[in-house]
Amino acid sequence: MYISIFLISVSISSISQVLLKSSANKKYNNKIREYLNFKVIIVIIK
């Protein structure tokens, strides 16, 4: 039980980090779009 909770939480954290990193590597024309894009919002909601 505890192992499954641990593995799920680590997986969610890993996916969040990948989404943030892919968003950070992308160039945006506007600073607002840099912080308010789909990937960042999904990570914040998680």
C-alpha atoms as a PDB file:
ATOM      1  CA  MET A   1       0.000   0.000   0.000  1.00  0.00           C
ATOM      2  CA  TYR A   2       2.628   2.538   1.035  1.00  0.00           C
ATOM      3  CA  ILE A   3       4.931   1.500  -1.771  1.00  0.00           C
ATOM      4  CA  SER A   4       2.219   2.102  -4.357  1.00  0.00           C
ATOM      5  CA  ILE A   5       1.498   5.563  -2.918  1.00  0.00           C
ATOM      6  CA  PHE A   6       5.198   6.349  -3.016  1.00  0.00           C
ATOM      7  CA  LEU A   7       5.576   5.154  -6.603  1.00  0.00           C
ATOM      8  CA  ILE A   8       2.541   7.120  -7.773  1.00  0.00           C
ATOM      9  CA  SER A   9       3.762  10.309  -6.126  1.00  0.00           C
ATOM     10  CA  VAL A  10       7.245   9.920  -7.594  1.00  0.00           C
ATOM     11  CA  SER A  11       5.755   9.306 -11.032  1.00  0.00           C
ATOM     12  CA  ILE A  12       3.581  12.420 -10.824  1.00  0.00           C
ATOM     13  CA  SER A  13       6.570  14.483  -9.713  1.00  0.00           C
ATOM     14  CA  SER A  14       8.696  13.163 -12.551  1.00  0.00           C
ATOM     15  CA  ILE A  15       6.055  13.932 -15.151  1.00  0.00           C
ATOM     16  CA  SER A  16       5.669  17.427 -13.720  1.00  0.00           C
ATOM     17  CA  GLN A  17       9.388  18.056 -13.949  1.00  0.00           C
ATOM     18  CA  VAL A  18       9.499  16.878 -17.562  1.00  0.00           C
ATOM     19  CA  LEU A  19       6.609  19.186 -18.470  1.00  0.00           C
ATOM     20  CA  LEU A  20       8.255  22.162 -16.772  1.00  0.00           C
ATOM     21  CA  LYS A  21      11.603  21.474 -18.417  1.00  0.00           C
ATOM     22  CA  SER A  22      10.060  21.188 -21.876  1.00  0.00           C
ATOM     23  CA  SER A  23       8.209  24.436 -21.263  1.00  0.00           C
ATOM     24  CA  ALA A  24      11.382  26.166 -20.049  1.00  0.00           C
ATOM     25  CA  ASN A  25      13.274  25.216 -23.203  1.00  0.00           C
ATOM     26  CA  LYS A  26      10.668  26.824 -25.442  1.00  0.00           C
ATOM     27  CA  LYS A  27      11.079  30.484 -26.448  1.00  0.00           C
ATOM     28  CA  TYR A  28       8.077  32.770 -26.048  1.00  0.00           C
ATOM     29  CA  ASN A  29       7.410  36.196 -27.522  1.00  0.00           C
ATOM     30  CA  ASN A  30       5.665  37.468 -24.416  1.00  0.00           C
ATOM     31  CA  LYS A  31       6.570  37.056 -20.730  1.00  0.00           C
ATOM     32  CA  ILE A  32       2.943  36.435 -19.809  1.00  0.00           C
ATOM     33  CA  ARG A  33       2.743  33.528 -22.260  1.00  0.00           C
ATOM     34  CA  GLU A  34       5.923  32.131 -20.733  1.00  0.00           C
ATOM     35  CA  TYR A  35       4.252  31.666 -17.359  1.00  0.00           C
ATOM     36  CA  LEU A  36       0.653  31.145 -18.412  1.00  0.00           C
ATOM     37  CA  ASN A  37       0.932  28.296 -20.876  1.00  0.00           C
ATOM     38  CA  PHE A  38      -0.805  24.947 -20.893  1.00  0.00           C
ATOM     39  CA  LYS A  39       2.083  22.878 -19.524  1.00  0.00           C
ATOM     40  CA  VAL A  40       2.800  25.173 -16.598  1.00  0.00           C
ATOM     41  CA  ILE A  41      -0.876  25.398 -15.646  1.00  0.00           C
ATOM     42  CA  ILE A  42      -1.213  21.597 -15.701  1.00  0.00           C
ATOM     43  CA  VAL A  43       1.810  21.224 -13.414  1.00  0.00           C
ATOM     44  CA  ILE A  44       0.475  23.841 -10.990  1.00  0.00           C
ATOM     45  CA  ILE A  45      -2.912  22.106 -10.814  1.00  0.00           C
ATOM     46  CA  LYS A  46      -1.303  18.756  -9.969  1.00  0.00           C
END
